[in-house]
PDB file of N, CA and C in Angstrom:
ATOM      1  N   UNK A   1      -2.043 -38.136  17.720  1.00  0.00           N
ATOM      2  CA  UNK A   1      -2.519 -36.999  18.474  1.00  0.00           C
ATOM      3  C   UNK A   1      -1.642 -35.776  18.241  1.00  0.00           C
ATOM      4  N   UNK A   2      -0.322 -35.952  18.191  1.00  0.00           N
ATOM      5  CA  UNK A   2       0.599 -34.839  17.972  1.00  0.00           C
ATOM      6  C   UNK A   2       0.353 -34.213  16.603  1.00  0.00           C
ATOM      7  N   UNK A   3       0.010 -35.044  15.630  1.00  0.00           N
ATOM      8  CA  UNK A   3      -0.255 -34.538  14.283  1.00  0.00           C
ATOM      9  C   UNK A   3      -1.440 -33.580  14.295  1.00  0.00           C
ATOM     10  N   UNK A   4      -2.503 -33.922  15.028  1.00  0.00           N
ATOM     11  CA  UNK A   4      -3.690 -33.071  15.098  1.00  0.00           C
ATOM     12  C   UNK A   4      -3.386 -31.723  15.733  1.00  0.00           C
ATOM     13  N   UNK A   5      -2.581 -31.724  16.798  1.00  0.00           N
ATOM     14  CA  UNK A   5      -2.216 -30.466  17.449  1.00  0.00           C
ATOM     15  C   UNK A   5      -1.398 -29.588  16.512  1.00  0.00           C
ATOM     16  N   UNK A   6      -0.456 -30.206  15.795  1.00  0.00           N
ATOM     17  CA  UNK A   6       0.363 -29.447  14.844  1.00  0.00           C
ATOM     18  C   UNK A   6      -0.510 -28.898  13.718  1.00  0.00           C
ATOM     19  N   UNK A   7      -1.450 -29.692  13.246  1.00  0.00           N
ATOM     20  CA  UNK A   7      -2.361 -29.257  12.190  1.00  0.00           C
ATOM     21  C   UNK A   7      -3.222 -28.095  12.635  1.00  0.00           C
ATOM     22  N   UNK A   8      -3.701 -28.141  13.879  1.00  0.00           N
ATOM     23  CA  UNK A   8      -4.513 -27.057  14.419  1.00  0.00           C
ATOM     24  C   UNK A   8      -3.706 -25.773  14.515  1.00  0.00           C
ATOM     25  N   UNK A   9      -2.455 -25.886  14.947  1.00  0.00           N
ATOM     26  CA  UNK A   9      -1.592 -24.707  15.063  1.00  0.00           C
ATOM     27  C   UNK A   9      -1.349 -24.085  13.686  1.00  0.00           C
ATOM     28  N   UNK A  10      -1.105 -24.928  12.701  1.00  0.00           N
ATOM     29  CA  UNK A  10      -0.862 -24.430  11.345  1.00  0.00           C
ATOM     30  C   UNK A  10      -2.104 -23.749  10.783  1.00  0.00           C
ATOM     31  N   UNK A  11      -3.281 -24.351  10.997  1.00  0.00           N
ATOM     32  CA  UNK A  11      -4.529 -23.748  10.534  1.00  0.00           C
ATOM     33  C   UNK A  11      -4.765 -22.401  11.204  1.00  0.00           C
ATOM     34  N   UNK A  12      -4.500 -22.356  12.510  1.00  0.00           N
ATOM     35  CA  UNK A  12      -4.693 -21.121  13.262  1.00  0.00           C
ATOM     36  C   UNK A  12      -3.761 -20.023  12.726  1.00  0.00           C
ATOM     37  N   UNK A  13      -2.511 -20.364  12.433  1.00  0.00           N
ATOM     38  CA  UNK A  13      -1.569 -19.401  11.874  1.00  0.00           C
ATOM     39  C   UNK A  13      -2.041 -18.894  10.516  1.00  0.00           C
ATOM     40  N   UNK A  14      -2.543 -19.819   9.670  1.00  0.00           N
ATOM     41  CA  UNK A  14      -3.048 -19.434   8.346  1.00  0.00           C
ATOM     42  C   UNK A  14      -4.232 -18.485   8.464  1.00  0.00           C
ATOM     43  N   UNK A  15      -5.147 -18.778   9.371  1.00  0.00           N
ATOM     44  CA  UNK A  15      -6.327 -17.937   9.566  1.00  0.00           C
ATOM     45  C   UNK A  15      -5.905 -16.540  10.016  1.00  0.00           C
ATOM     46  N   UNK A  16      -4.981 -16.470  10.973  1.00  0.00           N
ATOM     47  CA  UNK A  16      -4.494 -15.168  11.452  1.00  0.00           C
ATOM     48  C   UNK A  16      -3.818 -14.390  10.332  1.00  0.00           C
ATOM     49  N   UNK A  17      -3.020 -15.078   9.531  1.00  0.00           N
ATOM     50  CA  UNK A  17      -2.328 -14.426   8.423  1.00  0.00           C
ATOM     51  C   UNK A  17      -3.340 -13.867   7.419  1.00  0.00           C
ATOM     52  N   UNK A  18      -4.368 -14.644   7.100  1.00  0.00           N
ATOM     53  CA  UNK A  18      -5.392 -14.187   6.167  1.00  0.00           C
ATOM     54  C   UNK A  18      -6.186 -13.022   6.731  1.00  0.00           C
ATOM     55  N   UNK A  19      -6.453 -13.029   8.023  1.00  0.00           N
ATOM     56  CA  UNK A  19      -7.163 -11.910   8.644  1.00  0.00           C
ATOM     57  C   UNK A  19      -6.371 -10.628   8.475  1.00  0.00           C
ATOM     58  N   UNK A  20      -5.060 -10.702   8.750  1.00  0.00           N
ATOM     59  CA  UNK A  20      -4.206  -9.523   8.608  1.00  0.00           C
ATOM     60  C   UNK A  20      -4.143  -9.062   7.164  1.00  0.00           C
ATOM     61  N   UNK A  21      -4.110 -10.001   6.236  1.00  0.00           N
ATOM     62  CA  UNK A  21      -3.992  -9.661   4.827  1.00  0.00           C
ATOM     63  C   UNK A  21      -5.231  -8.916   4.326  1.00  0.00           C
ATOM     64  N   UNK A  22      -6.399  -9.297   4.796  1.00  0.00           N
ATOM     65  CA  UNK A  22      -7.627  -8.722   4.265  1.00  0.00           C
ATOM     66  C   UNK A  22      -8.220  -7.613   5.119  1.00  0.00           C
ATOM     67  N   UNK A  23      -7.546  -7.218   6.182  1.00  0.00           N
ATOM     68  CA  UNK A  23      -8.022  -6.093   6.963  1.00  0.00           C
ATOM     69  C   UNK A  23      -7.757  -4.807   6.203  1.00  0.00           C
ATOM     70  N   UNK A  24      -8.618  -3.835   6.410  1.00  0.00           N
ATOM     71  CA  UNK A  24      -8.433  -2.542   5.772  1.00  0.00           C
ATOM     72  C   UNK A  24      -7.179  -1.896   6.350  1.00  0.00           C
ATOM     73  N   UNK A  25      -6.231  -1.532   5.474  1.00  0.00           N
ATOM     74  CA  UNK A  25      -5.008  -0.906   5.972  1.00  0.00           C
ATOM     75  C   UNK A  25      -5.321   0.381   6.734  1.00  0.00           C
ATOM     76  N   UNK A  26      -4.684   0.551   7.863  1.00  0.00           N
ATOM     77  CA  UNK A  26      -4.987   1.719   8.680  1.00  0.00           C
ATOM     78  C   UNK A  26      -3.854   2.730   8.632  1.00  0.00           C
ATOM     79  N   UNK A  27      -4.188   3.906   8.221  1.00  0.00           N
ATOM     80  CA  UNK A  27      -3.304   5.058   8.269  1.00  0.00           C
ATOM     81  C   UNK A  27      -4.210   6.275   8.275  1.00  0.00           C
ATOM     82  N   UNK A  28      -3.828   7.261   9.001  1.00  0.00           N
ATOM     83  CA  UNK A  28      -4.599   8.498   9.009  1.00  0.00           C
ATOM     84  C   UNK A  28      -3.978   9.404   7.951  1.00  0.00           C
ATOM     85  N   UNK A  29      -4.692   9.567   6.840  1.00  0.00           N
ATOM     86  CA  UNK A  29      -4.179  10.382   5.746  1.00  0.00           C
ATOM     87  C   UNK A  29      -4.219  11.857   6.116  1.00  0.00           C
ATOM     88  N   UNK A  30      -3.155  12.567   5.802  1.00  0.00           N
ATOM     89  CA  UNK A  30      -3.075  14.005   6.090  1.00  0.00           C
ATOM     90  C   UNK A  30      -3.951  14.795   5.120  1.00  0.00           C
ATOM     91  N   UNK A  31      -4.601  15.827   5.618  1.00  0.00           N
ATOM     92  CA  UNK A  31      -5.419  16.695   4.776  1.00  0.00           C
ATOM     93  C   UNK A  31      -4.544  17.395   3.729  1.00  0.00           C
ATOM     94  N   UNK A  32      -3.296  17.719   4.086  1.00  0.00           N
ATOM     95  CA  UNK A  32      -2.391  18.385   3.147  1.00  0.00           C
ATOM     96  C   UNK A  32      -2.079  17.506   1.943  1.00  0.00           C
ATOM     97  N   UNK A  33      -2.112  16.210   2.145  1.00  0.00           N
ATOM     98  CA  UNK A  33      -1.801  15.260   1.082  1.00  0.00           C
ATOM     99  C   UNK A  33      -2.997  15.068   0.148  1.00  0.00           C
ATOM    100  N   UNK A  34      -4.181  15.092   0.726  1.00  0.00           N
ATOM    101  CA  UNK A  34      -5.420  14.893  -0.046  1.00  0.00           C
ATOM    102  C   UNK A  34      -6.302  16.124   0.134  1.00  0.00           C
ATOM    103  N   UNK A  35      -5.835  17.236  -0.369  1.00  0.00           N
ATOM    104  CA  UNK A  35      -6.505  18.516  -0.170  1.00  0.00           C
ATOM    105  C   UNK A  35      -7.829  18.631  -0.903  1.00  0.00           C
ATOM    106  N   UNK A  36      -8.033  17.832  -1.938  1.00  0.00           N
ATOM    107  CA  UNK A  36      -9.231  17.963  -2.763  1.00  0.00           C
ATOM    108  C   UNK A  36     -10.347  16.994  -2.383  1.00  0.00           C
ATOM    109  N   UNK A  37     -10.100  16.119  -1.407  1.00  0.00           N
ATOM    110  CA  UNK A  37     -11.116  15.161  -0.964  1.00  0.00           C
ATOM    111  C   UNK A  37     -11.071  15.059   0.555  1.00  0.00           C
ATOM    112  N   UNK A  38     -12.079  14.405   1.109  1.00  0.00           N
ATOM    113  CA  UNK A  38     -12.094  14.140   2.547  1.00  0.00           C
ATOM    114  C   UNK A  38     -11.258  12.884   2.793  1.00  0.00           C
ATOM    115  N   UNK A  39     -10.125  13.004   3.485  1.00  0.00           N
ATOM    116  CA  UNK A  39      -9.247  11.846   3.703  1.00  0.00           C
ATOM    117  C   UNK A  39      -9.932  10.672   4.398  1.00  0.00           C
ATOM    118  N   UNK A  40     -10.962  10.936   5.171  1.00  0.00           N
ATOM    119  CA  UNK A  40     -11.656   9.866   5.890  1.00  0.00           C
ATOM    120  C   UNK A  40     -12.450   8.967   4.943  1.00  0.00           C
ATOM    121  N   UNK A  41     -12.764   9.474   3.756  1.00  0.00           N
ATOM    122  CA  UNK A  41     -13.588   8.716   2.812  1.00  0.00           C
ATOM    123  C   UNK A  41     -12.760   7.956   1.774  1.00  0.00           C
ATOM    124  N   UNK A  42     -11.453   8.010   1.882  1.00  0.00           N
ATOM    125  CA  UNK A  42     -10.588   7.323   0.918  1.00  0.00           C
ATOM    126  C   UNK A  42     -10.484   5.847   1.299  1.00  0.00           C
ATOM    127  N   UNK A  43     -10.753   4.991   0.334  1.00  0.00           N
ATOM    128  CA  UNK A  43     -10.651   3.544   0.528  1.00  0.00           C
ATOM    129  C   UNK A  43      -9.326   3.070  -0.085  1.00  0.00           C
ATOM    130  N   UNK A  44      -8.407   2.545   0.730  1.00  0.00           N
ATOM    131  CA  UNK A  44      -7.096   2.136   0.215  1.00  0.00           C
ATOM    132  C   UNK A  44      -7.129   1.104  -0.911  1.00  0.00           C
ATOM    133  N   UNK A  45      -8.139   0.256  -0.943  1.00  0.00           N
ATOM    134  CA  UNK A  45      -8.229  -0.723  -2.040  1.00  0.00           C
ATOM    135  C   UNK A  45      -8.802  -0.069  -3.294  1.00  0.00           C
ATOM    136  N   UNK A  46      -9.889   0.627  -3.128  1.00  0.00           N
ATOM    137  CA  UNK A  46     -10.609   1.211  -4.252  1.00  0.00           C
ATOM    138  C   UNK A  46      -9.825   2.352  -4.908  1.00  0.00           C
ATOM    139  N   UNK A  47      -9.121   3.134  -4.118  1.00  0.00           N
ATOM    140  CA  UNK A  47      -8.422   4.318  -4.617  1.00  0.00           C
ATOM    141  C   UNK A  47      -6.905   4.146  -4.586  1.00  0.00           C
ATOM    142  N   UNK A  48      -6.441   2.936  -4.836  1.00  0.00           N
ATOM    143  CA  UNK A  48      -5.014   2.616  -4.711  1.00  0.00           C
ATOM    144  C   UNK A  48      -4.137   3.508  -5.584  1.00  0.00           C
ATOM    145  N   UNK A  49      -4.473   3.660  -6.846  1.00  0.00           N
ATOM    146  CA  UNK A  49      -3.622   4.456  -7.736  1.00  0.00           C
ATOM    147  C   UNK A  49      -3.555   5.905  -7.269  1.00  0.00           C
ATOM    148  N   UNK A  50      -4.676   6.457  -6.899  1.00  0.00           N
ATOM    149  CA  UNK A  50      -4.742   7.839  -6.427  1.00  0.00           C
ATOM    150  C   UNK A  50      -3.869   8.026  -5.188  1.00  0.00           C
ATOM    151  N   UNK A  51      -3.968   7.110  -4.244  1.00  0.00           N
ATOM    152  CA  UNK A  51      -3.190   7.183  -3.004  1.00  0.00           C
ATOM    153  C   UNK A  51      -1.699   7.066  -3.306  1.00  0.00           C
ATOM    154  N   UNK A  52      -1.335   6.106  -4.127  1.00  0.00           N
ATOM    155  CA  UNK A  52       0.073   5.889  -4.452  1.00  0.00           C
ATOM    156  C   UNK A  52       0.661   7.118  -5.134  1.00  0.00           C
ATOM    157  N   UNK A  53      -0.061   7.675  -6.096  1.00  0.00           N
ATOM    158  CA  UNK A  53       0.427   8.865  -6.799  1.00  0.00           C
ATOM    159  C   UNK A  53       0.663  10.031  -5.845  1.00  0.00           C
ATOM    160  N   UNK A  54      -0.282  10.273  -4.969  1.00  0.00           N
ATOM    161  CA  UNK A  54      -0.150  11.387  -4.029  1.00  0.00           C
ATOM    162  C   UNK A  54       1.014  11.177  -3.070  1.00  0.00           C
ATOM    163  N   UNK A  55       1.136   9.962  -2.559  1.00  0.00           N
ATOM    164  CA  UNK A  55       2.209   9.694  -1.596  1.00  0.00           C
ATOM    165  C   UNK A  55       3.569   9.746  -2.284  1.00  0.00           C
ATOM    166  N   UNK A  56       3.671   9.221  -3.494  1.00  0.00           N
ATOM    167  CA  UNK A  56       4.948   9.278  -4.200  1.00  0.00           C
ATOM    168  C   UNK A  56       5.357  10.719  -4.481  1.00  0.00           C
ATOM    169  N   UNK A  57       4.408  11.560  -4.845  1.00  0.00           N
ATOM    170  CA  UNK A  57       4.710  12.954  -5.158  1.00  0.00           C
ATOM    171  C   UNK A  57       4.897  13.829  -3.918  1.00  0.00           C
ATOM    172  N   UNK A  58       4.035  13.665  -2.919  1.00  0.00           N
ATOM    173  CA  UNK A  58       3.999  14.625  -1.819  1.00  0.00           C
ATOM    174  C   UNK A  58       4.121  14.015  -0.423  1.00  0.00           C
ATOM    175  N   UNK A  59       4.259  12.699  -0.334  1.00  0.00           N
ATOM    176  CA  UNK A  59       4.252  12.035   0.961  1.00  0.00           C
ATOM    177  C   UNK A  59       5.565  12.135   1.717  1.00  0.00           C
ATOM    178  N   UNK A  60       5.500  11.788   2.997  1.00  0.00           N
ATOM    179  CA  UNK A  60       6.705  11.761   3.831  1.00  0.00           C
ATOM    180  C   UNK A  60       7.205  10.316   3.950  1.00  0.00           C
ATOM    181  N   UNK A  61       8.258  10.125   4.740  1.00  0.00           N
ATOM    182  CA  UNK A  61       8.859   8.791   4.875  1.00  0.00           C
ATOM    183  C   UNK A  61       7.879   7.759   5.421  1.00  0.00           C
ATOM    184  N   UNK A  62       7.121   8.154   6.425  1.00  0.00           N
ATOM    185  CA  UNK A  62       6.164   7.236   7.048  1.00  0.00           C
ATOM    186  C   UNK A  62       5.118   6.775   6.031  1.00  0.00           C
ATOM    187  N   UNK A  63       4.627   7.694   5.225  1.00  0.00           N
ATOM    188  CA  UNK A  63       3.614   7.357   4.221  1.00  0.00           C
ATOM    189  C   UNK A  63       4.208   6.491   3.109  1.00  0.00           C
ATOM    190  N   UNK A  64       5.454   6.756   2.733  1.00  0.00           N
ATOM    191  CA  UNK A  64       6.116   5.940   1.706  1.00  0.00           C
ATOM    192  C   UNK A  64       6.296   4.506   2.213  1.00  0.00           C
ATOM    193  N   UNK A  65       6.700   4.354   3.470  1.00  0.00           N
ATOM    194  CA  UNK A  65       6.824   3.006   4.042  1.00  0.00           C
ATOM    195  C   UNK A  65       5.466   2.309   4.063  1.00  0.00           C
ATOM    196  N   UNK A  66       4.422   3.072   4.338  1.00  0.00           N
ATOM    197  CA  UNK A  66       3.076   2.504   4.390  1.00  0.00           C
ATOM    198  C   UNK A  66       2.677   1.927   3.035  1.00  0.00           C
ATOM    199  N   UNK A  67       2.963   2.639   1.943  1.00  0.00           N
ATOM    200  CA  UNK A  67       2.557   2.092   0.634  1.00  0.00           C
ATOM    201  C   UNK A  67       3.345   0.831   0.302  1.00  0.00           C
ATOM    202  N   UNK A  68       4.614   0.754   0.719  1.00  0.00           N
ATOM    203  CA  UNK A  68       5.388  -0.461   0.471  1.00  0.00           C
ATOM    204  C   UNK A  68       4.858  -1.628   1.286  1.00  0.00           C
ATOM    205  N   UNK A  69       4.297  -1.366   2.444  1.00  0.00           N
ATOM    206  CA  UNK A  69       3.736  -2.429   3.281  1.00  0.00           C
ATOM    207  C   UNK A  69       2.359  -2.879   2.803  1.00  0.00           C
ATOM    208  N   UNK A  70       1.628  -2.013   2.116  1.00  0.00           N
ATOM    209  CA  UNK A  70       0.236  -2.303   1.781  1.00  0.00           C
ATOM    210  C   UNK A  70      -0.044  -2.550   0.307  1.00  0.00           C
ATOM    211  N   UNK A  71       0.908  -2.273  -0.561  1.00  0.00           N
ATOM    212  CA  UNK A  71       0.717  -2.519  -1.991  1.00  0.00           C
ATOM    213  C   UNK A  71       1.892  -3.336  -2.513  1.00  0.00           C
ATOM    214  N   UNK A  72       1.622  -4.164  -3.484  1.00  0.00           N
ATOM    215  CA  UNK A  72       2.680  -5.010  -4.045  1.00  0.00           C
ATOM    216  C   UNK A  72       3.647  -4.168  -4.878  1.00  0.00           C
ATOM    217  N   UNK A  73       4.836  -4.693  -5.041  1.00  0.00           N
ATOM    218  CA  UNK A  73       5.838  -4.011  -5.856  1.00  0.00           C
ATOM    219  C   UNK A  73       5.349  -3.887  -7.295  1.00  0.00           C
ATOM    220  N   UNK A  74       4.633  -4.896  -7.752  1.00  0.00           N
ATOM    221  CA  UNK A  74       4.095  -4.882  -9.118  1.00  0.00           C
ATOM    222  C   UNK A  74       3.088  -3.738  -9.287  1.00  0.00           C
ATOM    223  N   UNK A  75       2.258  -3.519  -8.286  1.00  0.00           N
ATOM    224  CA  UNK A  75       1.287  -2.425  -8.327  1.00  0.00           C
ATOM    225  C   UNK A  75       2.011  -1.081  -8.355  1.00  0.00           C
ATOM    226  N   UNK A  76       3.028  -0.933  -7.526  1.00  0.00           N
ATOM    227  CA  UNK A  76       3.792   0.316  -7.495  1.00  0.00           C
ATOM    228  C   UNK A  76       4.474   0.572  -8.841  1.00  0.00           C
ATOM    229  N   UNK A  77       5.061  -0.481  -9.418  1.00  0.00           N
ATOM    230  CA  UNK A  77       5.709  -0.341 -10.729  1.00  0.00           C
ATOM    231  C   UNK A  77       4.709   0.098 -11.794  1.00  0.00           C
ATOM    232  N   UNK A  78       3.523  -0.496 -11.762  1.00  0.00           N
ATOM    233  CA  UNK A  78       2.482  -0.162 -12.735  1.00  0.00           C
ATOM    234  C   UNK A  78       2.055   1.299 -12.605  1.00  0.00           C
ATOM    235  N   UNK A  79       1.869   1.757 -11.378  1.00  0.00           N
ATOM    236  CA  UNK A  79       1.458   3.152 -11.164  1.00  0.00           C
ATOM    237  C   UNK A  79       2.548   4.107 -11.625  1.00  0.00           C
ATOM    238  N   UNK A  80       3.794   3.826 -11.259  1.00  0.00           N
ATOM    239  CA  UNK A  80       4.901   4.708 -11.659  1.00  0.00           C
ATOM    240  C   UNK A  80       5.011   4.762 -13.183  1.00  0.00           C
ATOM    241  N   UNK A  81       4.865   3.627 -13.822  1.00  0.00           N
ATOM    242  CA  UNK A  81       5.007   3.560 -15.283  1.00  0.00           C
ATOM    243  C   UNK A  81       3.849   4.248 -16.017  1.00  0.00           C
ATOM    244  N   UNK A  82       2.622   4.073 -15.531  1.00  0.00           N
ATOM    245  CA  UNK A  82       1.448   4.513 -16.283  1.00  0.00           C
ATOM    246  C   UNK A  82       0.815   5.819 -15.806  1.00  0.00           C
ATOM    247  N   UNK A  83       1.267   6.353 -14.692  1.00  0.00           N
ATOM    248  CA  UNK A  83       0.638   7.544 -14.140  1.00  0.00           C
ATOM    249  C   UNK A  83       0.806   8.749 -15.063  1.00  0.00           C
ATOM    250  N   UNK A  84      -0.252   9.514 -15.171  1.00  0.00           N
ATOM    251  CA  UNK A  84      -0.217  10.724 -15.988  1.00  0.00           C
ATOM    252  C   UNK A  84      -0.075  11.974 -15.127  1.00  0.00           C
ATOM    253  N   UNK A  85      -0.047  11.797 -13.812  1.00  0.00           N
ATOM    254  CA  UNK A  85       0.009  12.958 -12.927  1.00  0.00           C
ATOM    255  C   UNK A  85       1.311  13.077 -12.133  1.00  0.00           C
ATOM    256  N   UNK A  86       2.140  12.039 -12.116  1.00  0.00           N
ATOM    257  CA  UNK A  86       3.403  12.119 -11.376  1.00  0.00           C
ATOM    258  C   UNK A  86       4.330  13.128 -12.047  1.00  0.00           C
ATOM    259  N   UNK A  87       5.018  13.911 -11.239  1.00  0.00           N
ATOM    260  CA  UNK A  87       6.025  14.824 -11.766  1.00  0.00           C
ATOM    261  C   UNK A  87       7.180  14.003 -12.335  1.00  0.00           C
ATOM    262  N   UNK A  88       7.848  14.526 -13.350  1.00  0.00           N
ATOM    263  CA  UNK A  88       8.917  13.776 -14.017  1.00  0.00           C
ATOM    264  C   UNK A  88      10.031  13.377 -13.061  1.00  0.00           C
ATOM    265  N   UNK A  89      10.446  14.289 -12.176  1.00  0.00           N
ATOM    266  CA  UNK A  89      11.508  13.962 -11.225  1.00  0.00           C
ATOM    267  C   UNK A  89      11.066  12.851 -10.277  1.00  0.00           C
ATOM    268  N   UNK A  90       9.810  12.882  -9.882  1.00  0.00           N
ATOM    269  CA  UNK A  90       9.269  11.844  -9.015  1.00  0.00           C
ATOM    270  C   UNK A  90       9.279  10.504  -9.733  1.00  0.00           C
ATOM    271  N   UNK A  91       8.867  10.506 -10.976  1.00  0.00           N
ATOM    272  CA  UNK A  91       8.813   9.267 -11.768  1.00  0.00           C
ATOM    273  C   UNK A  91      10.205   8.648 -11.898  1.00  0.00           C
ATOM    274  N   UNK A  92      11.214   9.461 -12.198  1.00  0.00           N
ATOM    275  CA  UNK A  92      12.580   8.956 -12.361  1.00  0.00           C
ATOM    276  C   UNK A  92      13.070   8.341 -11.049  1.00  0.00           C
ATOM    277  N   UNK A  93      12.868   9.031  -9.934  1.00  0.00           N
ATOM    278  CA  UNK A  93      13.300   8.524  -8.641  1.00  0.00           C
ATOM    279  C   UNK A  93      12.629   7.196  -8.324  1.00  0.00           C
ATOM    280  N   UNK A  94      11.296   7.145  -8.416  1.00  0.00           N
ATOM    281  CA  UNK A  94      10.571   5.946  -8.021  1.00  0.00           C
ATOM    282  C   UNK A  94      10.764   4.797  -9.012  1.00  0.00           C
ATOM    283  N   UNK A  95      11.066   5.099 -10.279  1.00  0.00           N
ATOM    284  CA  UNK A  95      11.428   4.038 -11.222  1.00  0.00           C
ATOM    285  C   UNK A  95      12.668   3.307 -10.735  1.00  0.00           C
ATOM    286  N   UNK A  96      13.637   4.048 -10.242  1.00  0.00           N
ATOM    287  CA  UNK A  96      14.866   3.448  -9.727  1.00  0.00           C
ATOM    288  C   UNK A  96      14.598   2.635  -8.458  1.00  0.00           C
ATOM    289  N   UNK A  97      13.717   3.134  -7.617  1.00  0.00           N
ATOM    290  CA  UNK A  97      13.445   2.464  -6.347  1.00  0.00           C
ATOM    291  C   UNK A  97      12.670   1.160  -6.530  1.00  0.00           C
ATOM    292  N   UNK A  98      11.695   1.148  -7.435  1.00  0.00           N
ATOM    293  CA  UNK A  98      10.828  -0.033  -7.567  1.00  0.00           C
ATOM    294  C   UNK A  98      11.197  -0.979  -8.709  1.00  0.00           C
ATOM    295  N   UNK A  99      12.288  -0.675  -9.414  1.00  0.00           N
ATOM    296  CA  UNK A  99      12.643  -1.593 -10.509  1.00  0.00           C
ATOM    297  C   UNK A  99      13.162  -2.908  -9.962  1.00  0.00           C
ATOM    298  N   UNK A 100      13.090  -3.933 -10.792  1.00  0.00           N
ATOM    299  CA  UNK A 100      13.471  -5.302 -10.373  1.00  0.00           C
ATOM    300  C   UNK A 100      14.830  -5.319  -9.822  1.00  0.00           C
TER     301      UNK A 100
END
């Protein structure tokens, strides 16, 4: 009987963890950061590179923490390495921050 209760608790924890993982990340994007689009229409999964580039170049501390919480280090490294729009000084700084 104890095994079943422990198993139920573990399953419940896994389900909760998966729910959190697949929920749409919530942040209210500033209009100043995304001046060329409607911030309400930005999808964090679909527009990941665009969001990361803007936040790395023009974001504040809160927004930078948000990208670290919502995107993998590998994704950040890929964007920093391959982006054609990041300013050179920004690229150098973030290369140091996200390197292995």
